[in-house]
N, C-alpha and C. Protein backbone atom coordinates (compact mmCIF):
# COMPACT_ATOMS: atom_id res chain seq x y z
N UNK A 1 -9.61 -22.82 7.34
CA UNK A 1 -9.00 -21.97 6.35
C UNK A 1 -7.54 -21.68 6.72
N UNK A 2 -7.26 -21.49 7.99
CA UNK A 2 -5.91 -21.17 8.42
C UNK A 2 -4.94 -22.30 8.15
N UNK A 3 -5.44 -23.54 8.13
CA UNK A 3 -4.53 -24.66 7.89
C UNK A 3 -4.01 -24.68 6.46
N UNK A 4 -4.71 -24.01 5.54
CA UNK A 4 -4.27 -23.94 4.15
C UNK A 4 -3.35 -22.75 3.89
N UNK A 5 -3.16 -21.90 4.88
CA UNK A 5 -2.34 -20.70 4.70
C UNK A 5 -0.90 -21.09 4.45
N UNK A 6 -0.31 -20.47 3.44
CA UNK A 6 1.07 -20.73 3.08
C UNK A 6 1.91 -19.53 3.53
N UNK A 7 2.70 -19.68 4.60
CA UNK A 7 3.46 -18.53 5.08
C UNK A 7 4.49 -18.03 4.07
N UNK A 8 4.83 -18.84 3.09
CA UNK A 8 5.83 -18.42 2.11
C UNK A 8 5.20 -17.72 0.92
N UNK A 9 3.96 -17.29 1.07
CA UNK A 9 3.28 -16.62 -0.04
C UNK A 9 3.90 -15.25 -0.30
N UNK A 10 3.16 -14.37 -0.88
CA UNK A 10 3.70 -13.09 -1.32
C UNK A 10 4.20 -12.18 -0.20
N UNK A 11 3.85 -12.48 1.04
CA UNK A 11 4.30 -11.62 2.13
C UNK A 11 5.81 -11.64 2.29
N UNK A 12 6.44 -12.75 1.96
CA UNK A 12 7.88 -12.89 2.13
C UNK A 12 8.65 -12.70 0.84
N UNK A 13 7.98 -12.30 -0.22
CA UNK A 13 8.61 -12.16 -1.52
C UNK A 13 8.82 -10.69 -1.82
N UNK A 14 10.00 -10.37 -2.33
CA UNK A 14 10.26 -9.01 -2.78
C UNK A 14 9.49 -8.83 -4.08
N UNK A 15 8.38 -8.12 -3.99
CA UNK A 15 7.47 -8.00 -5.14
C UNK A 15 7.99 -6.99 -6.15
N UNK A 16 8.12 -7.42 -7.40
CA UNK A 16 8.56 -6.48 -8.44
C UNK A 16 7.43 -5.51 -8.79
N UNK A 17 7.81 -4.32 -9.19
CA UNK A 17 6.83 -3.33 -9.59
C UNK A 17 6.37 -3.56 -11.02
N UNK A 18 5.33 -2.84 -11.42
CA UNK A 18 4.81 -2.96 -12.77
C UNK A 18 5.86 -2.61 -13.82
N UNK A 19 6.71 -1.63 -13.53
CA UNK A 19 7.74 -1.24 -14.50
C UNK A 19 8.67 -2.41 -14.78
N UNK A 20 9.10 -3.09 -13.72
CA UNK A 20 9.99 -4.24 -13.88
C UNK A 20 9.29 -5.36 -14.64
N UNK A 21 8.04 -5.62 -14.30
CA UNK A 21 7.29 -6.67 -14.99
C UNK A 21 7.07 -6.32 -16.46
N UNK A 22 6.76 -5.05 -16.73
CA UNK A 22 6.59 -4.62 -18.12
C UNK A 22 7.89 -4.78 -18.91
N UNK A 23 9.01 -4.43 -18.28
CA UNK A 23 10.30 -4.58 -18.95
C UNK A 23 10.61 -6.05 -19.22
N UNK A 24 10.33 -6.91 -18.25
CA UNK A 24 10.54 -8.35 -18.46
C UNK A 24 9.67 -8.87 -19.59
N UNK A 25 8.42 -8.42 -19.63
CA UNK A 25 7.51 -8.86 -20.68
C UNK A 25 8.00 -8.38 -22.04
N UNK A 26 8.45 -7.13 -22.11
CA UNK A 26 8.97 -6.60 -23.38
C UNK A 26 10.17 -7.41 -23.84
N UNK A 27 11.07 -7.73 -22.92
CA UNK A 27 12.25 -8.54 -23.28
C UNK A 27 11.84 -9.95 -23.68
N UNK A 28 10.87 -10.51 -22.98
CA UNK A 28 10.40 -11.86 -23.32
C UNK A 28 9.76 -11.86 -24.71
N UNK A 29 9.01 -10.80 -25.02
CA UNK A 29 8.41 -10.69 -26.35
C UNK A 29 9.46 -10.55 -27.44
N UNK A 30 10.63 -10.03 -27.07
CA UNK A 30 11.75 -9.90 -28.01
C UNK A 30 12.58 -11.18 -28.07
N UNK A 31 12.03 -12.26 -27.53
CA UNK A 31 12.65 -13.60 -27.56
C UNK A 31 13.93 -13.68 -26.73
N UNK A 32 13.99 -12.92 -25.64
CA UNK A 32 15.10 -13.01 -24.70
C UNK A 32 14.80 -14.16 -23.74
N UNK A 33 15.56 -15.26 -23.88
CA UNK A 33 15.30 -16.46 -23.09
C UNK A 33 15.47 -16.21 -21.60
N UNK A 34 16.51 -15.48 -21.23
CA UNK A 34 16.74 -15.20 -19.80
C UNK A 34 15.59 -14.39 -19.22
N UNK A 35 15.10 -13.42 -19.98
CA UNK A 35 13.97 -12.61 -19.50
C UNK A 35 12.71 -13.45 -19.40
N UNK A 36 12.53 -14.36 -20.35
CA UNK A 36 11.36 -15.25 -20.30
C UNK A 36 11.38 -16.11 -19.05
N UNK A 37 12.55 -16.67 -18.74
CA UNK A 37 12.67 -17.50 -17.54
C UNK A 37 12.47 -16.68 -16.28
N UNK A 38 13.01 -15.47 -16.27
CA UNK A 38 12.83 -14.58 -15.12
C UNK A 38 11.36 -14.19 -14.96
N UNK A 39 10.69 -13.95 -16.08
CA UNK A 39 9.27 -13.60 -16.03
C UNK A 39 8.45 -14.75 -15.45
N UNK A 40 8.75 -15.96 -15.89
CA UNK A 40 8.05 -17.15 -15.37
C UNK A 40 8.28 -17.27 -13.87
N UNK A 41 9.54 -17.12 -13.45
CA UNK A 41 9.86 -17.23 -12.02
C UNK A 41 9.18 -16.13 -11.21
N UNK A 42 9.04 -14.97 -11.78
CA UNK A 42 8.43 -13.84 -11.07
C UNK A 42 6.91 -13.94 -11.02
N UNK A 43 6.32 -14.44 -12.10
CA UNK A 43 4.87 -14.48 -12.21
C UNK A 43 4.27 -15.69 -11.49
N UNK A 44 5.02 -16.77 -11.38
CA UNK A 44 4.50 -17.99 -10.75
C UNK A 44 3.92 -17.73 -9.35
N UNK A 45 4.63 -17.04 -8.45
CA UNK A 45 4.03 -16.80 -7.13
C UNK A 45 2.76 -15.95 -7.19
N UNK A 46 2.68 -15.05 -8.15
CA UNK A 46 1.48 -14.23 -8.29
C UNK A 46 0.29 -15.08 -8.71
N UNK A 47 0.51 -15.97 -9.68
CA UNK A 47 -0.56 -16.86 -10.12
C UNK A 47 -0.95 -17.84 -9.02
N UNK A 48 0.06 -18.38 -8.33
CA UNK A 48 -0.24 -19.29 -7.21
C UNK A 48 -1.09 -18.59 -6.16
N UNK A 49 -0.74 -17.36 -5.83
CA UNK A 49 -1.50 -16.61 -4.82
C UNK A 49 -2.94 -16.40 -5.28
N UNK A 50 -3.13 -16.07 -6.56
CA UNK A 50 -4.47 -15.86 -7.09
C UNK A 50 -5.30 -17.13 -6.98
N UNK A 51 -4.75 -18.25 -7.46
CA UNK A 51 -5.53 -19.49 -7.47
C UNK A 51 -5.67 -20.09 -6.07
N UNK A 52 -4.69 -19.91 -5.21
CA UNK A 52 -4.84 -20.37 -3.83
C UNK A 52 -5.93 -19.56 -3.13
N UNK A 53 -6.04 -18.29 -3.45
CA UNK A 53 -7.13 -17.48 -2.90
C UNK A 53 -8.48 -17.98 -3.36
N UNK A 54 -8.56 -18.40 -4.62
CA UNK A 54 -9.81 -18.97 -5.14
C UNK A 54 -10.13 -20.29 -4.45
N UNK A 55 -9.09 -21.06 -4.15
CA UNK A 55 -9.29 -22.34 -3.45
C UNK A 55 -9.75 -22.07 -2.02
N UNK A 56 -9.14 -21.11 -1.35
CA UNK A 56 -9.53 -20.80 0.02
C UNK A 56 -10.95 -20.23 0.08
N UNK A 57 -11.39 -19.57 -0.98
CA UNK A 57 -12.75 -19.04 -1.04
C UNK A 57 -13.76 -20.13 -1.40
N UNK A 58 -13.27 -21.33 -1.69
CA UNK A 58 -14.15 -22.45 -1.99
C UNK A 58 -14.61 -22.52 -3.44
N UNK A 59 -13.99 -21.76 -4.32
CA UNK A 59 -14.40 -21.76 -5.72
C UNK A 59 -13.79 -22.91 -6.51
N UNK A 60 -12.60 -23.37 -6.08
CA UNK A 60 -11.93 -24.47 -6.77
C UNK A 60 -11.37 -25.44 -5.74
N UNK A 61 -11.07 -26.64 -6.19
CA UNK A 61 -10.46 -27.65 -5.33
C UNK A 61 -8.95 -27.41 -5.26
N UNK A 62 -8.36 -27.81 -4.16
CA UNK A 62 -6.92 -27.65 -3.97
C UNK A 62 -6.13 -28.34 -5.08
N UNK A 63 -6.64 -29.49 -5.53
CA UNK A 63 -5.95 -30.27 -6.56
C UNK A 63 -5.91 -29.53 -7.90
N UNK A 64 -6.75 -28.55 -8.09
CA UNK A 64 -6.83 -27.82 -9.36
C UNK A 64 -5.82 -26.68 -9.46
N UNK A 65 -5.24 -26.26 -8.36
CA UNK A 65 -4.39 -25.07 -8.35
C UNK A 65 -3.23 -25.19 -9.34
N UNK A 66 -2.47 -26.27 -9.26
CA UNK A 66 -1.32 -26.43 -10.16
C UNK A 66 -1.72 -26.47 -11.62
N UNK A 67 -2.81 -27.17 -11.92
CA UNK A 67 -3.29 -27.24 -13.30
C UNK A 67 -3.72 -25.86 -13.80
N UNK A 68 -4.36 -25.09 -12.93
CA UNK A 68 -4.81 -23.76 -13.33
C UNK A 68 -3.64 -22.81 -13.55
N UNK A 69 -2.59 -22.95 -12.75
CA UNK A 69 -1.39 -22.12 -12.98
C UNK A 69 -0.81 -22.45 -14.35
N UNK A 70 -0.71 -23.75 -14.68
CA UNK A 70 -0.20 -24.15 -16.00
C UNK A 70 -1.10 -23.62 -17.12
N UNK A 71 -2.41 -23.73 -16.94
CA UNK A 71 -3.34 -23.22 -17.95
C UNK A 71 -3.21 -21.71 -18.11
N UNK A 72 -2.98 -21.02 -17.00
CA UNK A 72 -2.80 -19.56 -17.08
C UNK A 72 -1.55 -19.22 -17.88
N UNK A 73 -0.48 -20.00 -17.69
CA UNK A 73 0.73 -19.77 -18.48
C UNK A 73 0.49 -20.03 -19.96
N UNK A 74 -0.30 -21.05 -20.27
CA UNK A 74 -0.64 -21.32 -21.67
C UNK A 74 -1.43 -20.14 -22.24
N UNK A 75 -2.37 -19.63 -21.46
CA UNK A 75 -3.15 -18.46 -21.89
C UNK A 75 -2.24 -17.25 -22.10
N UNK A 76 -1.32 -17.04 -21.16
CA UNK A 76 -0.37 -15.93 -21.31
C UNK A 76 0.44 -16.07 -22.59
N UNK A 77 0.89 -17.28 -22.86
CA UNK A 77 1.70 -17.52 -24.05
C UNK A 77 0.88 -17.26 -25.32
N UNK A 78 -0.35 -17.76 -25.34
CA UNK A 78 -1.21 -17.58 -26.52
C UNK A 78 -1.56 -16.12 -26.76
N UNK A 79 -1.74 -15.38 -25.68
CA UNK A 79 -2.22 -14.01 -25.81
C UNK A 79 -1.14 -12.96 -25.58
N UNK A 80 0.11 -13.39 -25.58
CA UNK A 80 1.20 -12.46 -25.29
C UNK A 80 1.29 -11.32 -26.30
N UNK A 81 0.93 -11.58 -27.55
CA UNK A 81 0.99 -10.52 -28.57
C UNK A 81 -0.04 -9.43 -28.31
N UNK A 82 -1.07 -9.74 -27.53
CA UNK A 82 -2.11 -8.76 -27.21
C UNK A 82 -1.69 -7.80 -26.10
N UNK A 83 -0.58 -8.11 -25.42
CA UNK A 83 -0.18 -7.28 -24.29
C UNK A 83 0.18 -5.88 -24.76
N UNK A 84 -0.39 -4.89 -24.09
CA UNK A 84 -0.11 -3.48 -24.36
C UNK A 84 0.77 -2.96 -23.24
N UNK A 85 1.95 -2.49 -23.58
CA UNK A 85 2.90 -2.04 -22.54
C UNK A 85 2.38 -0.83 -21.75
N UNK A 86 1.32 -0.20 -22.21
CA UNK A 86 0.73 0.91 -21.46
C UNK A 86 -0.27 0.43 -20.41
N UNK A 87 -0.56 -0.87 -20.44
CA UNK A 87 -1.46 -1.48 -19.46
C UNK A 87 -0.62 -2.01 -18.30
N UNK A 88 -1.01 -1.77 -17.07
CA UNK A 88 -0.26 -2.35 -15.94
C UNK A 88 -0.20 -3.88 -16.08
N UNK A 89 1.01 -4.42 -15.98
CA UNK A 89 1.21 -5.84 -16.21
C UNK A 89 0.41 -6.69 -15.23
N UNK A 90 0.41 -6.31 -13.96
CA UNK A 90 -0.33 -7.10 -12.97
C UNK A 90 -1.82 -7.19 -13.30
N UNK A 91 -2.40 -6.08 -13.75
CA UNK A 91 -3.82 -6.10 -14.12
C UNK A 91 -4.05 -7.05 -15.28
N UNK A 92 -3.16 -7.01 -16.27
CA UNK A 92 -3.28 -7.90 -17.43
C UNK A 92 -3.11 -9.35 -16.99
N UNK A 93 -2.13 -9.61 -16.12
CA UNK A 93 -1.88 -10.96 -15.63
C UNK A 93 -3.10 -11.51 -14.88
N UNK A 94 -3.66 -10.71 -13.99
CA UNK A 94 -4.83 -11.16 -13.22
C UNK A 94 -6.02 -11.37 -14.14
N UNK A 95 -6.14 -10.56 -15.18
CA UNK A 95 -7.22 -10.79 -16.15
C UNK A 95 -7.04 -12.14 -16.86
N UNK A 96 -5.81 -12.48 -17.20
CA UNK A 96 -5.54 -13.79 -17.82
C UNK A 96 -5.88 -14.92 -16.83
N UNK A 97 -5.51 -14.74 -15.57
CA UNK A 97 -5.81 -15.75 -14.54
C UNK A 97 -7.32 -15.86 -14.34
N UNK A 98 -8.01 -14.73 -14.34
CA UNK A 98 -9.46 -14.74 -14.18
C UNK A 98 -10.14 -15.46 -15.35
N UNK A 99 -9.67 -15.21 -16.56
CA UNK A 99 -10.22 -15.91 -17.73
C UNK A 99 -10.00 -17.41 -17.61
N UNK A 100 -8.81 -17.80 -17.15
CA UNK A 100 -8.50 -19.22 -16.95
C UNK A 100 -9.45 -19.82 -15.92
N UNK A 101 -9.67 -19.10 -14.82
CA UNK A 101 -10.58 -19.57 -13.78
C UNK A 101 -12.00 -19.73 -14.32
N UNK A 102 -12.48 -18.74 -15.05
CA UNK A 102 -13.84 -18.80 -15.59
C UNK A 102 -14.00 -19.96 -16.58
N UNK A 103 -12.99 -20.20 -17.41
CA UNK A 103 -13.04 -21.34 -18.33
C UNK A 103 -13.11 -22.65 -17.55
N UNK A 104 -12.33 -22.74 -16.48
CA UNK A 104 -12.32 -23.94 -15.64
C UNK A 104 -13.69 -24.15 -15.00
N UNK A 105 -14.26 -23.10 -14.42
CA UNK A 105 -15.57 -23.22 -13.77
C UNK A 105 -16.65 -23.56 -14.79
N UNK A 106 -16.55 -22.99 -15.97
CA UNK A 106 -17.52 -23.29 -17.03
C UNK A 106 -17.41 -24.76 -17.45
N UNK A 107 -16.19 -25.27 -17.56
CA UNK A 107 -16.03 -26.68 -17.95
C UNK A 107 -16.57 -27.61 -16.87
N UNK A 108 -16.44 -27.21 -15.60
CA UNK A 108 -17.01 -28.03 -14.52
C UNK A 108 -18.53 -28.04 -14.60
N UNK A 109 -19.13 -26.91 -14.90
CA UNK A 109 -20.59 -26.85 -15.05
C UNK A 109 -21.06 -27.71 -16.21
N UNK A 110 -20.32 -27.68 -17.31
CA UNK A 110 -20.69 -28.50 -18.46
C UNK A 110 -20.62 -29.98 -18.12
N UNK A 111 -19.60 -30.37 -17.34
CA UNK A 111 -19.47 -31.77 -16.93
C UNK A 111 -20.65 -32.18 -16.05
N UNK A 112 -21.06 -31.29 -15.15
CA UNK A 112 -22.19 -31.59 -14.27
C UNK A 112 -23.48 -31.74 -15.07
N UNK A 113 -23.66 -30.88 -16.06
CA UNK A 113 -24.87 -30.94 -16.88
C UNK A 113 -24.88 -32.20 -17.74
N UNK A 114 -23.72 -32.56 -18.28
CA UNK A 114 -23.63 -33.70 -19.19
C UNK A 114 -23.65 -35.03 -18.46
N UNK A 115 -23.35 -35.03 -17.18
CA UNK A 115 -23.27 -36.28 -16.43
C UNK A 115 -24.67 -36.77 -16.07
N UNK A 116 -25.05 -37.96 -16.56
CA UNK A 116 -26.37 -38.50 -16.21
C UNK A 116 -26.52 -38.77 -14.72
N UNK A 117 -25.41 -39.04 -14.06
CA UNK A 117 -25.47 -39.31 -12.62
C UNK A 117 -25.91 -38.08 -11.84
N UNK A 118 -25.58 -36.90 -12.35
CA UNK A 118 -25.95 -35.68 -11.63
C UNK A 118 -27.36 -35.20 -11.99
N UNK A 119 -27.92 -35.71 -13.07
CA UNK A 119 -29.26 -35.30 -13.47
C UNK A 119 -30.31 -36.03 -12.64
N UNK A 120 -31.32 -35.32 -12.15
CA UNK A 120 -32.36 -35.99 -11.37
C UNK A 120 -33.20 -36.88 -12.29
N UNK A 121 -33.63 -38.02 -11.76
CA UNK A 121 -34.48 -38.87 -12.60
C UNK A 121 -35.91 -38.33 -12.57
N UNK A 122 -36.74 -38.89 -13.40
CA UNK A 122 -38.11 -38.39 -13.56
C UNK A 122 -38.90 -38.46 -12.25
N UNK A 123 -38.71 -39.53 -11.50
CA UNK A 123 -39.42 -39.69 -10.23
C UNK A 123 -39.04 -38.57 -9.26
N UNK A 124 -37.74 -38.25 -9.17
CA UNK A 124 -37.30 -37.19 -8.27
C UNK A 124 -37.93 -35.85 -8.67
N UNK A 125 -38.00 -35.59 -9.97
CA UNK A 125 -38.59 -34.34 -10.44
C UNK A 125 -40.07 -34.28 -10.07
N UNK A 126 -40.78 -35.38 -10.30
CA UNK A 126 -42.21 -35.40 -9.98
C UNK A 126 -42.46 -35.27 -8.48
N UNK A 127 -41.61 -35.89 -7.67
CA UNK A 127 -41.77 -35.77 -6.22
C UNK A 127 -41.50 -34.35 -5.75
N UNK A 128 -40.60 -33.67 -6.41
CA UNK A 128 -40.27 -32.30 -6.02
C UNK A 128 -41.42 -31.34 -6.34
N UNK A 129 -42.21 -31.70 -7.33
CA UNK A 129 -43.34 -30.83 -7.72
C UNK A 129 -44.45 -31.08 -6.76
């Protein structure tokens, strides 16, 4: 687990507070391009830390981290109008990341169920009984 540790994670980043993140989100919602870019730059390390933590816990593969960060941004974009400025931004962001993770895990389960290679054949089932 220690070999996957990224020393440049959030420990070395000047973490913005919820007020700053809420202000960036409000400006981004008002179609401020600079604020949108700043929000992306600020949120990316938070999403990376969330998904890297899931990878270190063994819930996802390392190769999935980048794709999940992109999917989380797509989810944020789709659901941005739902953001309530009275809700702490970090909590809302982590909820979006969690939803992305759950969708990913659900799609993996569906692939396993649909794959004939993963399904036991009749002989294996009878031997197990």
